[in-house]
N, C-alpha and C. Protein backbone atom coordinates (compact mmCIF):
# COMPACT_ATOMS: atom_id res chain seq x y z
N MET A 1 79.93 79.60 129.58
CA MET A 1 79.45 80.39 128.95
C MET A 1 80.34 81.07 127.83
N VAL A 2 80.18 81.55 126.68
CA VAL A 2 81.14 81.95 125.76
C VAL A 2 81.48 83.30 126.13
N GLU A 3 82.82 83.61 126.38
CA GLU A 3 82.98 85.19 126.51
C GLU A 3 82.98 85.98 125.38
N LEU A 4 82.30 86.70 125.21
CA LEU A 4 82.01 87.83 123.98
C LEU A 4 83.47 88.69 123.74
N PRO A 5 83.76 88.90 122.88
CA PRO A 5 84.81 89.69 122.58
C PRO A 5 84.92 91.28 123.15
N SER A 6 85.92 91.62 123.49
CA SER A 6 85.77 92.98 124.25
C SER A 6 85.20 93.98 123.25
N THR A 7 85.01 95.23 123.58
CA THR A 7 84.77 96.35 122.97
C THR A 7 86.30 96.60 122.00
N THR A 8 87.31 96.93 122.89
CA THR A 8 88.64 97.45 122.54
C THR A 8 88.99 96.30 121.38
N ARG A 9 88.71 94.98 121.58
CA ARG A 9 88.85 93.84 120.27
C ARG A 9 88.34 94.34 119.03
N TRP A 10 86.94 94.33 119.49
CA TRP A 10 86.23 94.78 117.93
C TRP A 10 86.39 96.03 117.21
N THR A 11 86.75 97.01 118.28
CA THR A 11 87.03 98.46 117.49
C THR A 11 88.59 98.54 116.87
N ARG A 12 89.46 97.43 117.50
CA ARG A 12 90.69 97.53 117.03
C ARG A 12 90.65 96.51 115.71
N ARG A 13 89.66 95.66 115.50
CA ARG A 13 89.48 94.94 114.19
C ARG A 13 88.49 95.83 113.41
N LYS A 14 87.98 96.56 113.78
CA LYS A 14 87.12 97.71 112.64
C LYS A 14 88.52 98.36 112.34
N GLU A 15 89.16 99.08 113.03
CA GLU A 15 90.09 100.13 112.28
C GLU A 15 91.17 99.28 111.71
N ALA A 16 91.30 98.03 111.25
CA ALA A 16 92.32 97.22 110.75
C ALA A 16 92.00 97.01 109.61
N ARG A 17 90.58 96.84 109.34
CA ARG A 17 89.98 96.49 107.99
C ARG A 17 90.56 97.30 106.77
N PRO A 18 90.63 98.73 106.63
CA PRO A 18 91.20 99.22 105.50
C PRO A 18 92.41 99.07 105.22
N ASN A 19 93.30 98.84 106.15
CA ASN A 19 94.54 97.85 105.55
C ASN A 19 94.51 96.74 105.26
N GLU A 20 93.53 95.96 105.83
CA GLU A 20 93.81 94.45 105.27
C GLU A 20 92.38 94.75 103.40
N ILE A 21 91.95 95.50 103.28
CA ILE A 21 91.55 95.43 102.37
C ILE A 21 92.48 95.79 101.03
N LEU A 22 93.26 96.86 101.71
CA LEU A 22 94.27 97.40 101.00
C LEU A 22 95.41 96.22 100.44
N GLU A 23 95.56 95.37 101.35
CA GLU A 23 96.61 94.51 101.57
C GLU A 23 96.05 93.52 100.15
N ALA A 24 94.70 93.29 100.57
CA ALA A 24 94.18 92.40 99.86
C ALA A 24 93.81 92.40 98.13
N ALA A 25 93.67 93.76 98.20
CA ALA A 25 93.54 94.54 96.71
C ALA A 25 94.72 94.70 96.02
N LEU A 26 95.99 94.70 96.78
CA LEU A 26 97.21 94.69 96.14
C LEU A 26 97.48 93.52 95.83
N ASP A 27 97.33 92.24 96.64
CA ASP A 27 97.37 91.34 95.93
C ASP A 27 96.93 90.86 94.34
N LEU A 28 95.50 90.96 94.36
CA LEU A 28 94.99 90.66 93.42
C LEU A 28 95.13 91.65 91.99
N PHE A 29 95.43 93.04 92.35
CA PHE A 29 95.80 93.53 91.06
C PHE A 29 97.17 93.09 90.41
N VAL A 30 98.04 92.57 91.39
CA VAL A 30 99.29 92.42 90.78
C VAL A 30 99.04 90.95 90.18
N GLU A 31 98.31 90.10 90.97
CA GLU A 31 97.97 88.79 90.25
C GLU A 31 96.87 88.63 88.42
N ARG A 32 96.08 89.63 88.97
CA ARG A 32 95.03 89.68 87.82
C ARG A 32 95.30 90.87 86.73
N GLY A 33 95.84 92.16 87.35
CA GLY A 33 95.60 92.97 86.66
C GLY A 33 94.24 93.92 87.29
N TYR A 34 94.15 95.05 87.08
CA TYR A 34 92.91 96.15 86.90
C TYR A 34 91.60 95.45 86.42
N ALA A 35 91.29 95.19 85.10
CA ALA A 35 90.29 94.86 84.50
C ALA A 35 89.86 93.43 84.95
N GLY A 36 90.91 92.58 85.11
CA GLY A 36 90.57 91.28 85.75
C GLY A 36 90.21 90.84 87.14
N THR A 37 90.35 92.31 87.84
CA THR A 37 89.93 92.18 89.63
C THR A 37 88.73 92.89 89.93
N LYS A 38 87.75 92.35 90.65
CA LYS A 38 86.57 92.70 91.32
C LYS A 38 86.43 93.08 92.91
N MET A 39 85.62 93.67 92.91
CA MET A 39 85.58 94.34 94.41
C MET A 39 85.23 93.12 95.47
N GLU A 40 84.12 92.21 94.95
CA GLU A 40 83.72 91.13 95.77
C GLU A 40 84.70 90.59 95.92
N GLU A 41 85.97 90.00 94.89
CA GLU A 41 86.67 89.44 95.18
C GLU A 41 87.97 89.76 96.19
N ILE A 42 88.47 91.32 96.23
CA ILE A 42 88.89 91.64 96.99
C ILE A 42 88.33 91.61 98.52
N ALA A 43 86.94 91.71 98.69
CA ALA A 43 86.37 91.38 100.10
C ALA A 43 86.60 90.06 100.35
N LYS A 44 86.39 89.07 99.64
CA LYS A 44 86.70 87.82 99.82
C LYS A 44 88.16 87.46 100.41
N ARG A 45 88.91 87.84 99.85
CA ARG A 45 90.64 87.85 100.33
C ARG A 45 90.71 88.43 101.48
N ALA A 46 90.08 89.67 101.72
CA ALA A 46 90.24 90.42 103.09
C ALA A 46 89.51 89.84 104.11
N GLY A 47 88.77 88.85 103.87
CA GLY A 47 87.58 88.09 104.78
C GLY A 47 86.87 89.10 105.27
N VAL A 48 86.18 89.78 104.75
CA VAL A 48 85.22 90.92 104.95
C VAL A 48 83.74 90.61 104.22
N THR A 49 83.04 91.26 104.38
CA THR A 49 81.71 91.08 103.60
C THR A 49 82.08 91.86 102.32
N ARG A 50 80.80 91.49 101.11
CA ARG A 50 81.11 91.92 99.77
C ARG A 50 81.09 93.37 99.86
N GLY A 51 79.85 93.80 100.70
CA GLY A 51 79.81 95.37 101.07
C GLY A 51 80.80 96.19 101.67
N THR A 52 81.82 95.41 102.56
CA THR A 52 82.56 96.17 103.55
C THR A 52 83.52 97.05 102.67
N PRO A 53 84.23 96.71 101.36
CA PRO A 53 85.04 97.86 100.81
C PRO A 53 84.56 99.05 100.76
N TYR A 54 83.23 99.01 100.27
CA TYR A 54 82.30 100.37 100.25
C TYR A 54 82.39 101.25 101.18
N LEU A 55 82.59 100.72 102.17
CA LEU A 55 82.29 101.60 103.41
C LEU A 55 83.95 102.56 103.27
N TYR A 56 84.68 102.09 102.76
CA TYR A 56 86.06 103.02 103.20
C TYR A 56 86.05 103.54 101.57
N PHE A 57 86.19 102.94 100.55
CA PHE A 57 86.49 103.05 99.00
C PHE A 57 85.11 103.18 98.27
N ALA A 58 85.06 104.51 97.34
CA ALA A 58 83.53 104.56 96.41
C ALA A 58 83.57 103.45 95.63
N ASN A 59 84.73 103.15 95.03
CA ASN A 59 84.64 101.93 94.18
C ASN A 59 86.05 101.65 94.02
N LYS A 60 86.29 100.56 92.55
CA LYS A 60 87.39 99.93 92.77
C LYS A 60 88.68 101.07 91.92
N GLU A 61 88.10 101.99 91.30
CA GLU A 61 89.36 103.39 91.00
C GLU A 61 89.85 103.95 92.30
N GLU A 62 88.72 104.31 93.14
CA GLU A 62 89.49 104.84 94.52
C GLU A 62 90.36 103.80 95.10
N LEU A 63 89.83 102.79 95.42
CA LEU A 63 90.47 101.68 95.95
C LEU A 63 92.20 101.38 95.21
N PHE A 64 92.04 101.44 94.24
CA PHE A 64 93.25 101.29 93.15
C PHE A 64 94.17 102.64 93.62
N LYS A 65 93.89 103.92 93.68
CA LYS A 65 94.29 105.01 93.95
C LYS A 65 94.98 104.87 95.24
N ALA A 66 93.88 104.42 96.34
CA ALA A 66 94.40 104.36 97.63
C ALA A 66 96.03 103.07 97.92
N VAL A 67 95.57 102.25 97.06
CA VAL A 67 96.58 101.16 96.90
C VAL A 67 97.98 102.26 96.94
N ILE A 68 97.88 102.92 95.61
CA ILE A 68 99.14 103.31 95.50
C ILE A 68 99.76 104.89 96.53
N SER A 69 98.42 105.34 96.72
CA SER A 69 99.23 106.11 97.67
C SER A 69 99.41 105.93 99.01
N GLU A 70 99.09 104.56 99.51
CA GLU A 70 99.49 104.11 100.70
C GLU A 70 100.76 103.26 100.62
N GLY A 71 100.92 102.77 99.31
CA GLY A 71 101.97 101.89 99.37
C GLY A 71 103.32 102.77 98.67
N MET A 72 102.91 103.58 98.07
CA MET A 72 104.20 104.13 97.04
C MET A 72 104.47 105.78 97.49
N LEU A 73 103.73 106.49 97.76
CA LEU A 73 103.95 107.70 98.14
C LEU A 73 104.89 107.62 99.58
N PRO A 74 104.76 107.31 100.62
CA PRO A 74 105.42 107.46 101.37
C PRO A 74 107.17 107.12 101.14
N SER A 75 107.45 106.56 100.14
CA SER A 75 108.83 106.25 99.78
C SER A 75 108.83 107.74 98.93
N ILE A 76 108.06 107.87 98.10
CA ILE A 76 108.84 109.19 97.55
C ILE A 76 109.10 110.21 98.51
N GLU A 77 107.92 110.42 99.32
CA GLU A 77 108.40 111.40 100.10
C GLU A 77 109.64 111.71 101.15
N VAL A 78 109.96 110.29 101.43
CA VAL A 78 111.16 109.90 102.06
C VAL A 78 112.16 110.52 100.93
N GLY A 79 112.35 109.88 99.72
CA GLY A 79 113.25 110.58 98.46
C GLY A 79 113.51 111.76 98.90
N GLU A 80 112.50 112.43 98.47
CA GLU A 80 112.20 114.02 98.50
C GLU A 80 112.83 114.41 99.61
N GLY A 81 112.52 114.21 100.84
CA GLY A 81 113.25 114.34 102.17
C GLY A 81 114.72 114.50 101.76
N MET A 82 115.36 113.38 101.41
CA MET A 82 116.62 113.41 101.20
C MET A 82 117.32 114.44 100.42
N LEU A 83 116.76 114.01 99.17
CA LEU A 83 117.06 115.45 98.30
C LEU A 83 117.31 117.11 99.04
N ARG A 84 116.27 117.42 99.53
CA ARG A 84 116.09 118.30 100.09
C ARG A 84 117.29 118.57 101.15
N GLU A 85 117.67 117.58 101.92
CA GLU A 85 118.46 117.53 103.12
C GLU A 85 120.23 117.41 103.06
N PHE A 86 120.19 116.65 101.62
CA PHE A 86 121.70 116.06 101.35
C PHE A 86 122.76 117.13 101.37
N THR A 87 123.85 116.94 101.93
CA THR A 87 124.88 117.87 101.23
C THR A 87 126.32 117.28 101.12
N GLY A 88 126.22 115.75 100.49
CA GLY A 88 127.67 114.91 100.50
C GLY A 88 127.29 114.88 98.94
N SER A 89 128.05 113.51 98.69
CA SER A 89 128.35 113.25 96.95
C SER A 89 127.14 113.08 96.50
N ALA A 90 127.03 113.39 95.34
CA ALA A 90 125.70 113.35 94.56
C ALA A 90 125.76 111.76 94.00
N MET A 91 126.60 111.27 93.79
CA MET A 91 126.80 110.03 93.49
C MET A 91 126.34 109.28 94.46
N ASP A 92 126.87 109.38 95.84
CA ASP A 92 126.17 108.78 97.13
C ASP A 92 124.47 109.05 96.83
N LEU A 93 123.92 110.42 96.78
CA LEU A 93 123.00 110.62 96.68
C LEU A 93 121.87 109.63 95.74
N ILE A 94 122.61 109.76 94.46
CA ILE A 94 121.78 108.72 93.64
C ILE A 94 121.52 107.30 94.27
N GLU A 95 122.74 106.65 94.66
CA GLU A 95 123.17 105.21 94.96
C GLU A 95 121.97 105.31 96.15
N GLN A 96 122.18 106.01 97.07
CA GLN A 96 121.12 105.90 98.28
C GLN A 96 119.66 105.69 97.74
N THR A 97 119.27 106.65 97.00
CA THR A 97 118.03 106.78 96.45
C THR A 97 117.47 105.44 95.77
N LEU A 98 118.45 105.05 94.83
CA LEU A 98 117.72 103.62 94.10
C LEU A 98 118.09 102.70 95.05
N ASN A 99 118.66 102.30 95.77
CA ASN A 99 118.69 101.56 96.84
C ASN A 99 117.65 101.60 97.76
N PHE A 100 117.18 102.65 98.22
CA PHE A 100 116.01 102.95 99.09
C PHE A 100 114.83 102.35 98.64
N TRP A 101 114.48 103.10 97.11
CA TRP A 101 113.41 102.83 95.96
C TRP A 101 112.94 101.36 96.09
N TRP A 102 114.43 100.59 95.64
CA TRP A 102 114.47 99.43 95.41
C TRP A 102 114.19 98.23 96.56
N ALA A 103 114.52 98.90 97.97
CA ALA A 103 114.19 97.95 98.95
C ALA A 103 113.05 98.51 99.46
N ALA A 104 112.29 99.49 99.18
CA ALA A 104 110.70 99.66 99.34
C ALA A 104 109.77 99.34 98.88
N VAL A 105 110.24 99.41 97.18
CA VAL A 105 108.87 98.98 96.23
C VAL A 105 109.70 98.38 95.04
N GLY A 106 110.82 98.27 94.72
CA GLY A 106 111.16 97.42 93.53
C GLY A 106 111.08 96.05 93.88
N LYS A 107 111.80 95.47 95.32
CA LYS A 107 111.61 93.85 95.19
C LYS A 107 110.42 93.66 95.99
N THR A 108 109.38 94.86 96.18
CA THR A 108 107.93 94.27 96.62
C THR A 108 106.82 94.11 95.98
N ARG A 109 105.57 93.58 96.35
CA ARG A 109 104.82 93.32 95.19
C ARG A 109 104.50 94.48 94.90
N LEU A 110 104.58 95.66 95.36
CA LEU A 110 104.25 97.04 94.72
C LEU A 110 105.12 97.14 93.36
N ALA A 111 105.98 96.48 93.21
CA ALA A 111 106.67 96.47 91.62
C ALA A 111 105.39 96.26 90.86
N GLY A 112 104.71 95.31 90.72
CA GLY A 112 103.52 94.76 90.35
C GLY A 112 102.75 95.94 89.53
N ILE A 113 102.53 96.78 90.53
CA ILE A 113 101.75 98.10 90.32
C ILE A 113 101.98 98.60 88.69
N THR A 114 103.72 98.79 88.55
CA THR A 114 104.28 99.17 87.73
C THR A 114 103.73 98.29 86.14
N LYS A 115 104.03 97.19 86.69
CA LYS A 115 103.65 96.37 85.48
C LYS A 115 102.31 96.62 84.68
N LEU A 116 101.19 96.95 85.93
CA LEU A 116 99.91 97.00 85.78
C LEU A 116 99.88 98.04 84.83
N ILE A 117 100.18 99.19 85.06
CA ILE A 117 100.18 100.48 84.34
C ILE A 117 100.28 100.42 83.27
N VAL A 118 101.62 99.74 82.82
CA VAL A 118 102.09 99.75 81.28
C VAL A 118 101.23 98.64 80.46
N ALA A 119 100.64 97.70 81.46
CA ALA A 119 99.71 96.88 80.59
C ALA A 119 98.37 97.34 80.14
N GLU A 120 97.86 97.94 81.31
CA GLU A 120 96.49 98.79 81.29
C GLU A 120 96.22 100.00 80.85
N ALA A 121 97.43 100.96 80.90
CA ALA A 121 97.09 102.70 80.61
C ALA A 121 95.89 102.83 79.54
N CYS A 122 96.40 102.35 78.86
CA CYS A 122 95.40 102.90 77.65
C CYS A 122 94.13 102.62 77.94
N ASN A 123 93.66 101.42 78.30
CA ASN A 123 92.15 101.08 78.56
C ASN A 123 91.61 101.66 79.84
N PHE A 124 92.58 102.13 80.96
CA PHE A 124 92.30 102.82 82.09
C PHE A 124 93.05 104.28 82.17
N PRO A 125 92.74 104.86 81.16
CA PRO A 125 93.37 106.69 81.35
C PRO A 125 93.68 107.33 82.55
N ASP A 126 92.35 107.17 83.51
CA ASP A 126 92.08 107.89 84.73
C ASP A 126 93.18 107.75 85.79
N ILE A 127 93.23 106.08 85.92
CA ILE A 127 94.31 105.52 86.92
C ILE A 127 95.68 105.83 86.65
N ALA A 128 96.11 105.65 85.19
CA ALA A 128 97.35 105.70 84.49
C ALA A 128 97.47 107.13 84.78
N ARG A 129 96.43 108.11 84.73
CA ARG A 129 96.99 109.67 84.80
C ARG A 129 97.67 109.78 86.33
N PHE A 130 96.62 109.22 87.04
CA PHE A 130 96.80 109.39 88.64
C PHE A 130 98.02 108.99 88.82
N TYR A 131 98.62 107.81 88.23
CA TYR A 131 100.06 107.10 88.85
C TYR A 131 100.92 108.31 88.14
N CYS A 132 101.01 108.97 87.13
CA CYS A 132 101.89 109.49 86.42
C CYS A 132 102.01 110.73 87.46
N GLU A 133 100.90 111.03 87.72
CA GLU A 133 100.90 112.43 88.43
C GLU A 133 101.54 112.72 89.80
N GLU A 134 101.40 111.16 90.32
CA GLU A 134 101.50 111.07 92.02
C GLU A 134 102.70 110.52 92.14
N VAL A 135 103.03 109.63 91.42
CA VAL A 135 104.31 108.31 91.13
C VAL A 135 105.75 108.75 90.21
N VAL A 136 105.01 108.87 89.02
CA VAL A 136 106.14 109.10 87.65
C VAL A 136 106.66 110.49 88.35
N ARG A 137 105.83 111.34 88.11
CA ARG A 137 106.25 112.42 87.54
C ARG A 137 107.35 113.09 89.21
N ARG A 138 106.87 112.94 90.29
CA ARG A 138 107.60 113.17 91.45
C ARG A 138 108.65 112.37 91.60
N GLY A 139 108.95 111.26 90.76
CA GLY A 139 109.95 110.17 91.01
C GLY A 139 110.87 110.93 90.06
N GLU A 140 110.57 111.49 88.62
CA GLU A 140 111.08 111.75 87.68
C GLU A 140 111.70 113.23 88.57
N ALA A 141 111.16 114.14 89.36
CA ALA A 141 111.89 115.35 89.88
C ALA A 141 112.87 115.01 90.79
N LEU A 142 112.70 113.96 91.51
CA LEU A 142 113.31 113.30 92.76
C LEU A 142 114.92 113.12 92.17
N VAL A 143 114.92 112.34 90.51
CA VAL A 143 115.99 111.92 90.22
C VAL A 143 117.03 112.72 89.35
N ALA A 144 115.90 113.81 88.73
CA ALA A 144 116.67 115.17 88.04
C ALA A 144 117.16 115.90 89.28
N GLY A 145 116.93 116.06 90.29
CA GLY A 145 117.32 116.99 91.03
C GLY A 145 118.66 116.53 91.34
N ALA A 146 118.70 115.16 91.74
CA ALA A 146 120.04 114.52 92.28
C ALA A 146 120.92 114.88 91.42
N ILE A 147 120.54 114.88 89.71
CA ILE A 147 121.72 114.98 88.59
C ILE A 147 121.84 116.32 88.67
N ASP A 148 120.90 117.50 88.60
CA ASP A 148 121.24 118.41 88.68
C ASP A 148 121.98 119.23 90.17
N TYR A 149 122.05 118.23 91.27
CA TYR A 149 122.78 118.67 92.13
C TYR A 149 124.31 118.40 91.80
N GLY A 150 124.26 117.39 91.31
CA GLY A 150 125.52 116.68 90.77
C GLY A 150 126.65 118.03 89.61
N ILE A 151 125.88 118.40 89.08
CA ILE A 151 126.14 119.13 87.99
C ILE A 151 126.50 120.19 88.79
N ARG A 152 125.66 121.07 89.24
CA ARG A 152 126.10 122.22 89.85
C ARG A 152 127.07 122.23 90.93
N ARG A 153 127.70 120.90 91.81
CA ARG A 153 128.70 121.19 92.44
C ARG A 153 130.20 120.56 92.01
N GLY A 154 129.90 120.51 90.69
CA GLY A 154 130.99 119.88 89.41
C GLY A 154 131.52 118.64 89.28
N GLU A 155 130.58 117.93 90.17
CA GLU A 155 131.00 116.30 90.54
C GLU A 155 130.39 115.79 88.99
N PHE A 156 129.01 115.77 88.47
CA PHE A 156 128.87 115.14 86.88
C PHE A 156 129.35 116.13 85.98
N ARG A 157 129.43 115.43 85.12
CA ARG A 157 129.76 115.87 83.40
C ARG A 157 128.33 117.31 83.51
N ALA A 158 128.54 117.89 82.62
CA ALA A 158 127.31 118.69 81.70
C ALA A 158 126.64 117.57 81.28
N LEU A 159 125.36 117.38 81.29
CA LEU A 159 124.49 116.63 80.68
C LEU A 159 122.93 117.27 80.47
N ASP A 160 122.32 116.42 79.71
CA ASP A 160 120.91 117.27 79.57
C ASP A 160 120.02 116.44 80.50
N VAL A 161 119.83 117.08 81.98
CA VAL A 161 119.40 116.50 83.04
C VAL A 161 118.09 115.95 82.54
N GLU A 162 116.94 116.21 81.87
CA GLU A 162 115.78 115.64 81.81
C GLU A 162 115.95 114.22 80.88
N TYR A 163 116.80 114.24 80.20
CA TYR A 163 116.83 112.94 79.41
C TYR A 163 117.66 111.90 80.10
N THR A 164 118.76 112.39 80.97
CA THR A 164 119.80 111.69 81.45
C THR A 164 118.93 111.07 82.80
N MET A 165 117.93 111.93 83.41
CA MET A 165 117.21 111.52 84.72
C MET A 165 116.14 109.96 83.64
N LYS A 166 115.82 110.22 82.87
CA LYS A 166 115.14 109.12 82.00
C LYS A 166 115.65 107.94 81.97
N VAL A 167 117.09 108.25 81.54
CA VAL A 167 117.98 106.68 81.15
C VAL A 167 118.63 106.15 82.51
N VAL A 168 118.38 107.00 83.34
CA VAL A 168 118.83 106.95 84.77
C VAL A 168 117.72 105.84 85.55
N ILE A 169 116.40 106.04 85.32
CA ILE A 169 115.49 105.56 85.56
C ILE A 169 114.77 104.11 85.07
N GLY A 170 115.25 104.40 83.67
CA GLY A 170 114.72 103.18 82.93
C GLY A 170 114.86 101.87 83.07
N PRO A 171 116.08 101.63 83.28
CA PRO A 171 116.45 100.27 83.68
C PRO A 171 115.96 99.35 85.58
N VAL A 172 115.68 100.58 86.12
CA VAL A 172 115.00 99.86 87.49
C VAL A 172 113.61 99.71 87.04
N LEU A 173 112.97 100.66 86.46
CA LEU A 173 111.60 100.03 86.00
C LEU A 173 111.56 98.95 85.25
N MET A 174 112.84 98.76 84.07
CA MET A 174 112.46 97.33 83.45
C MET A 174 112.64 96.32 84.69
N ALA A 175 113.45 96.35 85.26
CA ALA A 175 113.61 95.68 86.20
C ALA A 175 112.27 94.98 87.44
N MET A 176 111.53 96.03 87.50
CA MET A 176 110.61 95.90 88.27
C MET A 176 109.67 95.35 87.53
N ILE A 177 109.39 95.46 86.27
CA ILE A 177 108.25 95.03 85.52
C ILE A 177 108.98 93.61 85.13
N TRP A 178 110.23 93.51 84.66
CA TRP A 178 110.43 91.99 84.53
C TRP A 178 110.29 90.78 85.67
N GLN A 179 110.45 91.34 86.69
CA GLN A 179 110.22 90.40 87.87
C GLN A 179 108.60 89.90 87.83
N HIS A 180 107.65 90.68 87.53
CA HIS A 180 106.34 90.53 87.24
C HIS A 180 105.76 89.71 85.90
N SER A 181 106.49 89.78 85.28
CA SER A 181 106.16 89.44 83.62
C SER A 181 106.88 88.16 82.99
N VAL A 182 107.74 88.25 82.35
CA VAL A 182 108.88 87.43 81.78
C VAL A 182 109.54 86.80 83.12
N GLY A 183 110.03 87.36 83.76
CA GLY A 183 110.78 86.52 84.60
C GLY A 183 109.97 85.86 85.26
N ALA A 184 108.73 86.36 85.63
CA ALA A 184 107.58 85.08 86.89
C ALA A 184 107.31 83.94 86.04
N CYS A 185 107.35 84.15 84.60
CA CYS A 185 106.64 83.01 83.75
C CYS A 185 108.00 81.67 83.30
N VAL A 186 109.17 82.59 83.37
CA VAL A 186 110.16 81.30 83.13
C VAL A 186 110.68 81.24 84.46
N ASN A 187 110.47 81.53 85.61
CA ASN A 187 110.93 81.54 86.49
C ASN A 187 112.65 81.74 86.75
N GLU A 188 113.10 82.60 86.43
CA GLU A 188 114.17 82.85 86.17
C GLU A 188 114.57 83.84 87.29
N ALA A 189 115.57 83.57 88.07
CA ALA A 189 116.21 84.14 89.34
C ALA A 189 116.52 85.27 89.10
N PHE A 190 116.49 86.63 89.99
CA PHE A 190 117.12 87.58 89.87
C PHE A 190 118.16 88.29 90.49
N ASP A 191 119.04 88.23 90.54
CA ASP A 191 119.99 88.62 91.85
C ASP A 191 120.15 90.53 91.68
N GLU A 192 119.12 91.02 92.49
CA GLU A 192 118.94 92.15 92.67
C GLU A 192 120.55 92.72 92.94
N GLU A 193 121.08 92.21 94.36
CA GLU A 193 122.55 92.66 94.79
C GLU A 193 123.33 93.35 93.34
N ARG A 194 123.19 91.90 92.63
CA ARG A 194 124.44 91.94 91.40
C ARG A 194 123.89 93.20 90.45
N PHE A 195 122.12 93.12 90.14
CA PHE A 195 121.90 93.89 89.58
C PHE A 195 122.45 95.61 89.88
N LEU A 196 122.07 96.06 91.18
CA LEU A 196 122.15 96.76 91.76
C LEU A 196 123.82 97.47 91.52
N ARG A 197 124.76 97.24 91.79
CA ARG A 197 126.01 96.91 91.93
C ARG A 197 126.66 97.47 90.55
N THR A 198 125.83 96.61 89.30
CA THR A 198 126.64 96.46 88.27
C THR A 198 126.10 97.77 87.55
N TYR A 199 124.82 98.36 87.71
CA TYR A 199 124.01 99.27 87.35
C TYR A 199 124.67 100.73 87.85
N MET A 200 125.07 100.47 89.24
CA MET A 200 125.90 101.64 89.91
C MET A 200 127.04 102.08 89.53
N GLU A 201 127.94 101.10 89.03
CA GLU A 201 128.96 101.34 88.26
C GLU A 201 129.02 102.02 87.04
N LEU A 202 128.05 101.06 86.24
CA LEU A 202 127.80 102.08 84.76
C LEU A 202 127.50 103.54 85.13
N LEU A 203 126.51 103.96 85.80
CA LEU A 203 126.14 105.28 86.58
C LEU A 203 127.44 105.91 86.43
N ARG A 204 128.38 105.55 87.79
CA ARG A 204 129.24 106.34 88.02
C ARG A 204 130.38 106.61 86.65
N HIS A 205 130.50 105.81 86.01
CA HIS A 205 131.47 106.11 84.65
C HIS A 205 130.68 106.93 83.78
N GLY A 206 129.29 106.86 83.74
CA GLY A 206 128.43 107.67 82.63
C GLY A 206 128.41 109.00 83.07
N LEU A 207 128.45 109.06 84.58
CA LEU A 207 127.96 110.88 85.26
C LEU A 207 129.06 111.44 85.55
N LEU A 208 130.07 110.73 86.25
CA LEU A 208 131.21 111.59 86.92
C LEU A 208 131.99 112.31 85.66
N ARG A 209 132.47 113.34 86.09
CA ARG A 209 133.32 114.17 85.08
C ARG A 209 134.98 112.99 84.83
N ASN A 210 135.37 113.21 83.54
CA ASN A 210 136.23 112.25 83.32
C ASN A 210 137.31 112.24 84.20
N GLU A 211 137.96 113.35 84.87
CA GLU A 211 138.76 113.31 85.53
C GLU A 211 138.88 112.70 86.97
N GLN A 212 137.34 112.23 87.31
CA GLN A 212 137.24 111.80 88.33
C GLN A 212 136.96 109.90 88.34
N HIS A 213 136.69 109.53 87.02
CA HIS A 213 136.76 108.38 86.55
C HIS A 213 137.76 107.37 87.34
N PRO A 214 137.48 106.46 88.39
CA PRO A 214 138.35 105.53 88.97
C PRO A 214 138.72 104.36 87.46
N PRO A 215 140.13 104.30 87.76
CA PRO A 215 140.80 102.89 86.75
C PRO A 215 139.87 101.79 86.75
N ILE A 216 139.59 101.33 85.72
CA ILE A 216 138.81 100.17 85.78
C ILE A 216 139.54 98.88 85.67
């Protein structure tokens, strides 16, 4: 006699399906872009029937938003918590924030979402708007807050906070995009530790007050 799976096993499998669908969706969105990904392909990659994704997500747009919410927003929330509670050096805060973001998002498949948004924003303004509001704006506020913190405590030079924030974020975004575009096409190795180390050295000399600059 064939032993039927227990109710507990079936329940656990059913509860796991949304995560399996999100994982499959992330893979396909990064591989094929938003326009090139179909719901039935996501279902197939997740190992579920064609209609199963619709039990959890109304449509592809809602599924894409869920990929962002589940994958990126927890890291944003951790960074926001760091900013609220931090009492040490502002330079340490920026370094910890950038290193954490890179580990949680920058070197993972989630970095491919940034490249997707840049490539397809004009064709799908609703998802671009969602990404900007939930990820970009909050990320910008986090970095701007760290810069302002450094200025207020006299650690950083007087700076244009808004545009300094954009300069700080820019290279990290470019590194994320590069890995999923030109870098992937030419199979060029990317030494992330070397990149972050070099970048932080440049930031120290750009942000710190002149008298705090260590000798080169």
